[in-house]
Amino acid sequence: MRALICGINGQDGSFLAKLLLEKCYEVWGTSRDAQTSLLNNLQALDVAERVNVISMAPNDFRSVLTAVDQSDPDEIYYLSGQSSVGLSFEQPAETLESIVTGVLNMLEVIRLRKKSVRFYNAGSSECFGDTGDTPADENASFKPLSPYAVAKASAHWLVANYRQSYGLHASTGILFNHESPLRPRRFVTQKIIQAAKRIAAGSDERLVLGRLDIKRDWGWAPEYVDAMWRMLQLETPEDLVIATGHTYSLEEFVAAAFAMYGLEWRNYVDISEAFFRPSDILVSMADPSHAARVISWHATNKMPNVVKLMSK
């Protein structure tokens, strides 16, 4: 089997590459400029030399067509695009183009080539907006609250439309938050872990955060890429919610991170409205029971253990 991972050096792309190599796939991956990409995440997992990395600009149809022709995959995993909710408020156009146009170009290439290819699209729990006390499942309505969420919702419906209209084996994994040490420092979870580690080592800095009362479902990224692969093994494609089913507040995450180093978080953390978003999701709850039934997937690491794994 041959797989093409779009955005292979990201957190999920790197873990997915490692997983597929273990399953004896021939793995191809894309980067905007393969000649200059550092491939640091792939190197951290010791798989950089075992994958074929090619250049691809997701918003350029010809570039997408060339990449797919060159790799000639059986499976395509689209993990590209601007991935920060906060940054999407500063760069809404780039966020929409990199996610929506990229997915559309990929779907069109698959349709026009007429070779049987299975396509996975990286969706997001952000599409649901604030779930309140009702865990979101596959039938929950989308209420996006950020440019990033709007883009992910649009891409989700594009995949559903091409699946229904052209019979493509295309599906979206609606993934809730999933973390690892490969997360970029701009993500709040990594920001918290690294600050706690530095303070424990003697730094006199203060950790400045936004709202601590927001609640999220945090899982372990290496487990989530297994769910992606399992989705593409289904005979009939469908969209699935992938999550732990357990929700914690950001305050609980912060407390767990500092406790890993024997610290009381309140002595080192400040709150600033400068980190508040124009609109933010207060509660994000998930019901992943359908994925458990359909692909026999369960998350084994909940937030407290995710913090431990990220702190090693």
Protein backbone atom coordinates (compact mmCIF):
# COMPACT_ATOMS: atom_id res chain seq x y z
CA MET A 1 0.00 0.00 0.00
CA ARG A 2 1.11 3.54 -0.76
CA ALA A 3 -0.03 6.58 1.22
CA LEU A 4 0.30 10.32 0.66
CA ILE A 5 0.28 12.46 3.81
CA CYS A 6 -0.31 16.13 3.09
CA GLY A 7 1.44 18.12 5.81
CA ILE A 8 3.67 15.22 6.82
CA ASN A 9 5.95 17.16 9.18
CA GLY A 10 3.15 18.38 11.43
CA GLN A 11 2.34 16.66 14.70
CA ASP A 12 -0.27 14.33 13.26
CA GLY A 13 1.51 13.83 9.95
CA SER A 14 4.68 12.66 11.65
CA PHE A 15 2.94 10.22 13.97
CA LEU A 16 0.85 8.94 11.07
CA ALA A 17 3.97 8.42 8.94
CA LYS A 18 5.51 6.34 11.70
CA LEU A 19 2.33 4.28 12.10
CA LEU A 20 2.02 3.57 8.37
CA LEU A 21 5.68 2.62 8.07
CA GLU A 22 5.13 0.11 10.87
CA LYS A 23 2.30 -1.29 8.75
CA CYS A 24 4.70 -1.66 5.81
CA TYR A 25 3.26 1.19 3.73
CA GLU A 26 5.32 3.12 1.23
CA VAL A 27 4.91 6.61 2.65
CA TRP A 28 4.96 9.84 0.66
CA GLY A 29 4.46 13.25 2.21
CA THR A 30 4.08 16.85 1.16
CA SER A 31 5.61 20.08 2.34
CA ARG A 32 5.29 23.49 0.72
CA ASP A 33 9.00 23.35 -0.12
CA ALA A 34 10.52 19.91 0.28
CA GLN A 35 14.01 21.25 -0.49
CA THR A 36 14.12 23.60 2.50
CA SER A 37 11.88 21.83 5.02
CA LEU A 38 13.70 20.86 8.20
CA LEU A 39 11.46 17.83 8.83
CA ASN A 40 12.21 18.20 12.54
CA ASN A 41 9.17 16.22 13.72
CA LEU A 42 9.92 13.34 11.37
CA GLN A 43 13.51 13.40 12.58
CA ALA A 44 12.36 13.37 16.21
CA LEU A 45 10.50 10.14 15.47
CA ASP A 46 13.47 8.78 13.49
CA VAL A 47 11.50 8.28 10.27
CA ALA A 48 12.68 11.20 8.11
CA GLU A 49 14.95 8.99 6.01
CA ARG A 50 12.20 6.47 5.35
CA VAL A 51 9.62 8.74 3.70
CA ASN A 52 9.50 10.42 0.28
CA VAL A 53 8.88 14.14 0.73
CA ILE A 54 7.72 16.22 -2.24
CA SER A 55 6.68 19.85 -2.64
CA MET A 56 3.00 20.79 -2.84
CA ALA A 57 1.09 24.05 -2.47
CA PRO A 58 -2.45 22.98 -1.47
CA ASN A 59 -4.03 26.13 -2.92
CA ASP A 60 -2.48 25.49 -6.36
CA PHE A 61 -4.47 22.90 -8.36
CA ARG A 62 -1.60 22.05 -10.67
CA SER A 63 0.71 21.53 -7.71
CA VAL A 64 -1.79 19.18 -6.08
CA LEU A 65 -2.28 17.23 -9.31
CA THR A 66 1.48 16.87 -9.77
CA ALA A 67 1.98 15.64 -6.20
CA VAL A 68 -0.78 13.03 -6.51
CA ASP A 69 0.46 11.86 -9.91
CA GLN A 70 4.01 11.57 -8.62
CA SER A 71 3.10 9.62 -5.47
CA ASP A 72 0.22 7.64 -7.05
CA PRO A 73 -1.27 6.74 -3.64
CA ASP A 74 -3.91 4.26 -2.53
CA GLU A 75 -4.72 6.46 0.46
CA ILE A 76 -4.48 10.23 0.94
CA TYR A 77 -4.49 11.91 4.35
CA TYR A 78 -5.10 15.65 4.13
CA LEU A 79 -3.60 17.20 7.28
CA SER A 80 -2.39 20.44 5.70
CA GLY A 81 -3.54 23.95 6.41
CA GLN A 82 -3.22 26.65 9.03
CA SER A 83 -3.82 24.84 12.34
CA SER A 84 -4.09 27.52 15.02
CA VAL A 85 -7.51 28.81 16.13
CA GLY A 86 -5.96 31.95 17.63
CA LEU A 87 -3.92 32.73 14.52
CA SER A 88 -7.00 32.33 12.32
CA PHE A 89 -8.40 35.58 13.75
CA GLU A 90 -5.23 37.36 12.57
CA GLN A 91 -5.02 35.52 9.23
CA PRO A 92 -8.59 34.58 8.24
CA ALA A 93 -8.05 34.62 4.47
CA GLU A 94 -4.93 32.44 4.62
CA THR A 95 -6.72 30.06 6.99
CA LEU A 96 -9.72 29.64 4.70
CA GLU A 97 -7.62 29.25 1.58
CA SER A 98 -5.17 26.73 3.03
CA ILE A 99 -7.95 24.53 4.41
CA VAL A 100 -10.94 24.91 2.09
CA THR A 101 -9.18 25.42 -1.25
CA GLY A 102 -6.69 22.71 -0.40
CA VAL A 103 -9.40 20.14 0.33
CA LEU A 104 -11.36 21.16 -2.77
CA ASN A 105 -8.30 20.82 -5.01
CA MET A 106 -7.54 17.39 -3.58
CA LEU A 107 -11.12 16.18 -4.07
CA GLU A 108 -11.16 17.43 -7.65
CA VAL A 109 -7.86 15.72 -8.43
CA ILE A 110 -9.15 12.43 -7.02
CA ARG A 111 -12.37 12.76 -9.02
CA LEU A 112 -10.66 13.60 -12.29
CA ARG A 113 -7.95 10.93 -12.07
CA LYS A 114 -10.62 8.25 -11.71
CA LYS A 115 -8.30 5.89 -9.86
CA SER A 116 -9.75 4.40 -6.70
CA VAL A 117 -8.21 6.37 -3.82
CA ARG A 118 -9.36 6.60 -0.21
CA PHE A 119 -9.30 10.12 1.19
CA TYR A 120 -9.14 11.26 4.83
CA ASN A 121 -9.81 14.87 5.76
CA ALA A 122 -8.71 16.29 9.11
CA GLY A 123 -11.82 17.84 10.62
CA SER A 124 -12.09 19.59 13.96
CA SER A 125 -14.25 19.73 17.07
CA GLU A 126 -14.10 23.52 16.69
CA CYS A 127 -16.89 23.14 14.11
CA PHE A 128 -19.37 22.33 16.89
CA GLY A 129 -18.71 25.57 18.74
CA ASP A 130 -19.83 25.56 22.38
CA THR A 131 -21.45 22.20 23.14
CA GLY A 132 -22.70 23.16 26.61
CA ASP A 133 -23.62 20.11 28.65
CA THR A 134 -24.51 17.97 25.62
CA PRO A 135 -21.60 15.92 24.22
CA ALA A 136 -21.32 16.31 20.46
CA ASP A 137 -21.68 13.25 18.26
CA GLU A 138 -21.80 12.86 14.47
CA ASN A 139 -25.34 14.30 14.33
CA ALA A 140 -24.62 17.47 16.30
CA SER A 141 -25.05 20.80 14.50
CA PHE A 142 -22.07 22.91 13.49
CA LYS A 143 -21.84 26.36 15.12
CA PRO A 144 -18.32 27.59 14.29
CA LEU A 145 -16.97 30.49 16.34
CA SER A 146 -13.66 31.24 14.57
CA PRO A 147 -12.34 31.58 11.01
CA TYR A 148 -10.52 28.27 11.59
CA ALA A 149 -13.77 26.55 12.55
CA VAL A 150 -15.61 28.08 9.57
CA ALA A 151 -12.90 26.74 7.27
CA LYS A 152 -13.00 23.27 8.81
CA ALA A 153 -16.81 23.19 8.60
CA SER A 154 -16.68 24.17 4.91
CA ALA A 155 -14.11 21.46 4.17
CA HIS A 156 -16.25 18.92 6.04
CA TRP A 157 -19.26 19.62 3.83
CA LEU A 158 -17.13 19.56 0.68
CA VAL A 159 -15.99 16.04 1.57
CA ALA A 160 -19.57 14.95 2.26
CA ASN A 161 -20.73 16.47 -1.04
CA TYR A 162 -18.06 14.72 -3.13
CA ARG A 163 -18.77 11.45 -1.35
CA GLN A 164 -22.46 11.69 -2.14
CA SER A 165 -22.17 13.19 -5.62
CA TYR A 166 -19.28 11.20 -7.06
CA GLY A 167 -19.08 8.11 -4.88
CA LEU A 168 -15.61 8.92 -3.54
CA HIS A 169 -14.28 6.99 -0.56
CA ALA A 170 -13.85 10.21 1.37
CA SER A 171 -14.41 10.87 5.05
CA THR A 172 -13.70 13.42 7.77
CA GLY A 173 -12.38 12.63 11.21
CA ILE A 174 -13.87 15.18 13.60
CA LEU A 175 -11.00 15.16 16.04
CA PHE A 176 -11.17 16.82 19.43
CA ASN A 177 -8.00 18.23 21.00
CA HIS A 178 -5.04 15.86 20.90
CA GLU A 179 -1.57 16.68 22.14
CA SER A 180 2.04 15.48 22.21
CA PRO A 181 5.55 16.90 22.66
CA LEU A 182 5.52 17.63 18.90
CA ARG A 183 2.93 20.38 19.36
CA PRO A 184 4.31 23.82 18.33
CA ARG A 185 5.02 26.20 21.21
CA ARG A 186 2.17 28.51 20.13
CA PHE A 187 -0.38 25.93 21.34
CA VAL A 188 -1.46 26.61 24.90
CA THR A 189 -0.87 23.05 26.12
CA GLN A 190 2.77 23.12 25.01
CA LYS A 191 3.15 26.66 26.34
CA ILE A 192 2.00 25.47 29.76
CA ILE A 193 4.15 22.34 29.86
CA GLN A 194 7.32 24.15 28.78
CA ALA A 195 6.79 27.05 31.20
CA ALA A 196 6.27 24.66 34.13
CA LYS A 197 9.44 22.79 33.14
CA ARG A 198 11.52 26.00 32.97
CA ILE A 199 10.16 27.35 36.24
CA ALA A 200 10.93 24.06 37.97
CA ALA A 201 14.48 24.36 36.61
CA GLY A 202 14.90 27.77 38.22
CA SER A 203 13.38 30.32 35.85
CA ASP A 204 11.77 33.32 37.58
CA GLU A 205 9.29 33.91 34.73
CA ARG A 206 5.53 34.19 35.05
CA LEU A 207 3.19 32.17 32.82
CA VAL A 208 0.54 34.45 31.33
CA LEU A 209 -2.67 32.83 30.08
CA GLY A 210 -6.19 33.75 29.02
CA ARG A 211 -9.35 32.13 30.37
CA LEU A 212 -8.83 29.13 32.61
CA ASP A 213 -12.50 28.13 32.84
CA ILE A 214 -12.70 26.82 29.27
CA LYS A 215 -13.22 23.06 29.09
CA ARG A 216 -11.77 20.72 26.48
CA ASP A 217 -11.43 17.02 25.68
CA TRP A 218 -7.67 16.38 25.49
CA GLY A 219 -6.27 13.14 24.06
CA TRP A 220 -2.92 11.68 23.03
CA ALA A 221 -2.02 12.34 19.38
CA PRO A 222 -0.35 8.97 18.57
CA GLU A 223 -3.64 7.25 19.37
CA TYR A 224 -5.63 9.60 17.15
CA VAL A 225 -3.65 8.85 13.99
CA ASP A 226 -4.55 5.20 14.48
CA ALA A 227 -8.21 6.27 14.28
CA MET A 228 -7.47 8.03 10.97
CA TRP A 229 -6.03 4.86 9.50
CA ARG A 230 -8.92 2.76 10.79
CA MET A 231 -11.42 5.12 9.14
CA LEU A 232 -9.90 4.52 5.71
CA GLN A 233 -10.14 0.76 6.18
CA LEU A 234 -13.95 0.95 6.34
CA GLU A 235 -15.70 -0.49 3.31
CA THR A 236 -18.26 2.31 3.43
CA PRO A 237 -16.82 5.73 4.32
CA GLU A 238 -18.36 7.88 7.02
CA ASP A 239 -17.47 10.82 9.22
CA LEU A 240 -16.59 10.03 12.84
CA VAL A 241 -16.07 11.92 16.09
CA ILE A 242 -12.70 11.00 17.61
CA ALA A 243 -12.19 11.95 21.27
CA THR A 244 -11.67 10.57 24.77
CA GLY A 245 -15.19 11.39 25.97
CA HIS A 246 -13.77 13.13 29.07
CA THR A 247 -13.69 16.90 29.48
CA TYR A 248 -11.45 18.97 31.77
CA SER A 249 -10.98 22.68 32.39
CA LEU A 250 -7.80 24.47 31.35
CA GLU A 251 -7.26 25.22 35.04
CA GLU A 252 -7.16 21.48 35.69
CA PHE A 253 -4.64 21.07 32.87
CA VAL A 254 -2.44 23.83 34.33
CA ALA A 255 -2.68 22.36 37.84
CA ALA A 256 -1.70 18.90 36.55
CA ALA A 257 1.25 20.30 34.58
CA PHE A 258 2.74 22.22 37.51
CA ALA A 259 2.06 19.34 39.90
CA MET A 260 4.28 17.17 37.70
CA TYR A 261 7.18 19.31 38.97
CA GLY A 262 5.94 19.64 42.55
CA LEU A 263 4.72 23.21 42.03
CA GLU A 264 1.53 25.03 43.04
CA TRP A 265 0.40 26.66 39.81
CA ARG A 266 -1.25 29.69 41.46
CA ASN A 267 2.18 30.95 42.52
CA TYR A 268 3.37 31.22 38.93
CA VAL A 269 0.40 32.00 36.66
CA ASP A 270 -1.17 35.33 35.69
CA ILE A 271 -4.34 35.95 33.69
CA SER A 272 -4.44 38.58 30.95
CA GLU A 273 -7.35 39.70 28.79
CA ALA A 274 -4.81 40.17 25.99
CA PHE A 275 -5.05 36.41 25.47
CA PHE A 276 -8.86 36.37 25.28
CA ARG A 277 -10.19 35.63 21.79
CA PRO A 278 -12.92 37.66 20.04
CA SER A 279 -15.13 34.61 20.56
CA ASP A 280 -14.19 31.49 22.44
CA ILE A 281 -15.68 28.08 23.12
CA LEU A 282 -16.36 27.66 26.81
CA VAL A 283 -17.21 23.97 26.78
CA SER A 284 -16.27 21.31 24.23
CA MET A 285 -17.65 17.87 25.06
CA ALA A 286 -17.61 14.76 22.86
CA ASP A 287 -19.46 11.49 22.45
CA PRO A 288 -17.07 9.11 20.61
CA SER A 289 -19.25 6.03 21.12
CA HIS A 290 -20.02 5.62 17.41
CA ALA A 291 -16.31 5.40 16.56
CA ALA A 292 -15.97 2.72 19.23
CA ARG A 293 -18.64 0.68 17.49
CA VAL A 294 -17.60 1.30 13.88
CA ILE A 295 -13.79 1.16 13.99
CA SER A 296 -13.26 -0.41 17.45
CA TRP A 297 -11.25 2.59 18.60
CA HIS A 298 -10.98 3.85 22.18
CA ALA A 299 -8.71 6.52 23.66
CA THR A 300 -6.64 5.05 26.47
CA ASN A 301 -4.93 8.28 27.61
CA LYS A 302 -7.09 10.97 29.19
CA MET A 303 -5.89 14.48 30.14
CA PRO A 304 -3.96 13.63 33.35
CA ASN A 305 -1.89 11.02 31.54
CA VAL A 306 -1.47 13.25 28.49
CA VAL A 307 0.16 15.82 30.78
CA LYS A 308 2.51 13.14 32.14
CA LEU A 309 3.48 12.01 28.66
CA MET A 310 4.09 15.58 27.48
CA SER A 311 6.21 16.36 30.56
CA LYS A 312 8.74 13.56 30.02
